[in-house]
Amino acid sequence: MSPRGTTVISSSLALLATTFILLSTTAAAHAVESRKAGNFSPFCRTAHPTRALCTQMVNGAKTWPQAMTNAILATAVKAKAAVPMAAGVAKRLPVSLFPESRVSIGSTCTEAIDNIIFDLGKCVEFVKNDPTSALKTYLSSITFFDCRNALEEFEVSLPEVSRFDQEMTKLAGVLLSVLETKP
């Protein structure tokens, strides 16, 4: 065999090996991506970038009503755990604020957490009895903004209030994502 023939065979084998490696790598990457996608609940497909959190919240649900109810109840657990934080806001306010202002802010924060818990309860009812009713409106109202806003009006910042408001906003986004998957 001539050196040129060996070069052609070597080049062909190199091309074949390179193609095989590329296809194998692409297939492996696709398989990994498919596995990643398979780890998420189908009720969380629009929950970017919170799909993992959403999947945890729907807790293995097989139907949309189960998924929506599980996610709402998971949010309610977080909200109920924040009741002491909301009730303690007035005590953490600067003494330089008028007593009436401290009472007003404290009441606003207590009402805000009570409203979240009440609204989540209504959402569970809507899922059971009338999922086409005001579910989206109630889910959109799951926020601790009123409390945070009351503090900001007096130029007061409490990190736990800001964190909780951000958490509720994120959880409301997850809930709305689950709602979008309603058949």
Protein backbone atom coordinates (compact mmCIF):
# COMPACT_ATOMS: atom_id res chain seq x y z
CA MET A 1 0.00 0.00 0.00
CA SER A 2 1.30 3.45 -0.85
CA PRO A 3 1.88 6.14 1.75
CA ARG A 4 -0.92 8.16 0.11
CA GLY A 5 -3.41 5.28 0.65
CA THR A 6 -2.40 5.06 4.28
CA THR A 7 -3.00 8.80 4.64
CA VAL A 8 -6.47 8.50 3.14
CA ILE A 9 -7.36 5.61 5.45
CA SER A 10 -5.86 7.42 8.46
CA SER A 11 -7.75 10.60 7.57
CA SER A 12 -10.96 8.62 7.10
CA LEU A 13 -10.49 6.85 10.43
CA ALA A 14 -9.73 10.16 12.14
CA LEU A 15 -12.84 11.73 10.60
CA LEU A 16 -14.92 8.71 11.60
CA ALA A 17 -13.52 8.78 15.16
CA THR A 18 -14.15 12.53 15.43
CA THR A 19 -17.72 12.12 14.19
CA PHE A 20 -18.29 9.27 16.63
CA ILE A 21 -16.94 11.35 19.53
CA LEU A 22 -19.08 14.35 18.57
CA LEU A 23 -22.21 12.25 18.22
CA SER A 24 -21.51 10.44 21.49
CA THR A 25 -20.89 13.72 23.31
CA THR A 26 -24.03 15.28 21.84
CA ALA A 27 -26.10 12.22 22.70
CA ALA A 28 -24.70 12.15 26.23
CA ALA A 29 -25.40 15.85 26.69
CA HIS A 30 -28.92 15.37 25.35
CA ALA A 31 -29.47 12.44 27.71
CA VAL A 32 -28.27 14.49 30.69
CA GLU A 33 -30.56 17.35 29.67
CA SER A 34 -33.47 14.95 29.28
CA ARG A 35 -32.80 13.51 32.71
CA LYS A 36 -32.67 17.00 34.18
CA ALA A 37 -35.96 17.89 32.53
CA GLY A 38 -37.43 14.61 33.71
CA ASN A 39 -36.67 15.50 37.32
CA PHE A 40 -39.09 18.40 37.20
CA SER A 41 -42.81 18.12 37.65
CA PRO A 42 -44.80 18.66 34.45
CA PHE A 43 -46.79 21.23 36.44
CA CYS A 44 -43.60 23.29 36.75
CA ARG A 45 -42.62 23.55 33.10
CA THR A 46 -43.13 27.34 33.04
CA ALA A 47 -41.54 27.99 36.44
CA HIS A 48 -38.23 29.38 35.18
CA PRO A 49 -35.85 29.65 37.08
CA THR A 50 -37.67 28.12 40.05
CA ARG A 51 -38.51 24.69 38.62
CA ALA A 52 -36.75 22.81 41.40
CA LEU A 53 -38.60 24.80 44.06
CA CYS A 54 -41.87 24.30 42.19
CA THR A 55 -41.28 20.56 41.91
CA GLN A 56 -40.68 20.42 45.65
CA MET A 57 -43.85 22.42 46.31
CA VAL A 58 -46.16 20.27 44.14
CA ASN A 59 -44.78 17.28 46.03
CA GLY A 60 -45.26 14.49 43.48
CA ALA A 61 -48.77 15.48 42.45
CA LYS A 62 -50.25 13.51 39.56
CA THR A 63 -53.12 15.87 38.72
CA TRP A 64 -53.37 19.62 38.34
CA PRO A 65 -55.72 20.06 41.33
CA GLN A 66 -53.29 18.07 43.50
CA ALA A 67 -50.32 20.09 42.23
CA MET A 68 -52.06 23.43 42.74
CA THR A 69 -53.31 22.49 46.21
CA ASN A 70 -49.92 21.13 47.30
CA ALA A 71 -48.15 24.28 46.12
CA ILE A 72 -50.69 26.53 47.87
CA LEU A 73 -50.39 24.55 51.10
CA ALA A 74 -46.57 24.69 50.93
CA THR A 75 -46.83 28.47 50.61
CA ALA A 76 -49.28 28.60 53.52
CA VAL A 77 -46.78 26.75 55.72
CA LYS A 78 -44.18 29.43 54.97
CA ALA A 79 -46.70 32.20 55.62
CA LYS A 80 -47.86 30.72 58.92
CA ALA A 81 -44.25 30.38 60.05
CA ALA A 82 -43.84 34.14 59.48
CA VAL A 83 -46.73 35.16 61.76
CA PRO A 84 -44.44 35.78 64.77
CA MET A 85 -42.10 37.87 62.61
CA ALA A 86 -45.01 40.01 61.39
CA ALA A 87 -46.45 40.34 64.89
CA GLY A 88 -43.06 41.47 66.20
CA VAL A 89 -42.49 44.26 63.68
CA ALA A 90 -43.88 47.01 65.95
CA LYS A 91 -41.46 46.04 68.74
CA ARG A 92 -38.49 46.34 66.37
CA LEU A 93 -39.30 49.86 65.19
CA PRO A 94 -37.15 52.80 66.25
CA VAL A 95 -38.30 54.54 69.45
CA SER A 96 -37.99 57.83 67.57
CA LEU A 97 -41.23 57.01 65.71
CA PHE A 98 -44.45 58.28 67.22
CA PRO A 99 -46.30 55.55 69.12
CA GLU A 100 -49.24 55.90 66.72
CA SER A 101 -46.91 55.27 63.78
CA ARG A 102 -45.47 52.17 65.42
CA VAL A 103 -48.97 50.84 66.09
CA SER A 104 -50.07 51.62 62.52
CA ILE A 105 -47.06 49.87 60.97
CA GLY A 106 -47.46 46.89 63.30
CA SER A 107 -51.14 46.60 62.39
CA THR A 108 -50.37 46.84 58.70
CA CYS A 109 -47.84 44.00 58.95
CA THR A 110 -50.17 41.81 61.00
CA GLU A 111 -53.00 42.43 58.53
CA ALA A 112 -50.69 41.69 55.61
CA ILE A 113 -49.74 38.25 56.94
CA ASP A 114 -53.36 37.53 57.90
CA ASN A 115 -54.42 38.47 54.36
CA ILE A 116 -51.83 36.14 52.82
CA ILE A 117 -53.01 33.23 54.94
CA PHE A 118 -56.68 34.01 54.26
CA ASP A 119 -56.08 34.41 50.52
CA LEU A 120 -54.22 31.09 50.37
CA GLY A 121 -57.17 29.42 52.09
CA LYS A 122 -59.52 30.94 49.50
CA CYS A 123 -57.24 29.64 46.75
CA VAL A 124 -57.54 26.07 48.05
CA GLU A 125 -61.33 26.49 47.96
CA PHE A 126 -61.18 27.82 44.41
CA VAL A 127 -59.14 24.82 43.28
CA LYS A 128 -61.66 22.43 44.82
CA ASN A 129 -64.86 24.19 43.81
CA ASP A 130 -64.30 26.72 41.05
CA PRO A 131 -60.81 26.83 39.53
CA THR A 132 -61.89 29.30 36.84
CA SER A 133 -62.97 31.91 39.38
CA ALA A 134 -60.68 34.49 40.93
CA LEU A 135 -57.79 32.08 41.54
CA LYS A 136 -55.31 34.08 39.46
CA THR A 137 -56.27 37.33 41.19
CA TYR A 138 -55.84 35.81 44.65
CA LEU A 139 -52.53 34.16 43.73
CA SER A 140 -51.24 37.47 42.40
CA SER A 141 -52.03 39.13 45.72
CA ILE A 142 -49.75 36.83 47.73
CA THR A 143 -47.27 39.49 48.79
CA PHE A 144 -45.99 41.18 51.94
CA PHE A 145 -45.66 44.48 50.09
CA ASP A 146 -48.02 46.42 52.36
CA CYS A 147 -45.83 45.79 55.39
CA ARG A 148 -42.60 46.55 53.54
CA ASN A 149 -44.16 49.69 52.06
CA ALA A 150 -45.36 50.89 55.49
CA LEU A 151 -41.80 50.59 56.76
CA GLU A 152 -40.37 52.37 53.75
CA GLU A 153 -42.76 55.30 54.25
CA PHE A 154 -41.01 55.94 57.56
CA GLU A 155 -37.57 55.14 56.13
CA VAL A 156 -37.26 52.02 58.25
CA SER A 157 -35.76 48.82 56.94
CA LEU A 158 -36.14 45.44 58.59
CA PRO A 159 -34.21 42.80 56.64
CA GLU A 160 -36.53 39.96 57.72
CA VAL A 161 -39.51 41.84 56.28
CA SER A 162 -37.72 42.41 52.98
CA ARG A 163 -36.62 38.75 52.81
CA PHE A 164 -40.12 37.51 53.54
CA ASP A 165 -41.65 39.83 50.94
CA GLN A 166 -39.14 38.55 48.36
CA GLU A 167 -39.90 34.96 49.35
CA MET A 168 -43.66 35.47 49.03
CA THR A 169 -43.18 37.14 45.66
CA LYS A 170 -41.13 34.16 44.47
CA LEU A 171 -43.67 31.66 45.82
CA ALA A 172 -46.54 33.59 44.20
CA GLY A 173 -44.63 33.31 40.91
CA VAL A 174 -44.38 29.56 41.39
CA LEU A 175 -48.09 29.35 42.15
CA LEU A 176 -48.92 31.31 39.01
CA SER A 177 -46.67 28.99 37.00
CA VAL A 178 -48.57 25.96 38.29
CA LEU A 179 -51.82 27.75 37.45
CA GLU A 180 -50.61 28.19 33.84
CA THR A 181 -50.44 24.40 33.44
CA LYS A 182 -54.14 23.94 34.17
CA PRO A 183 -55.56 21.69 31.46
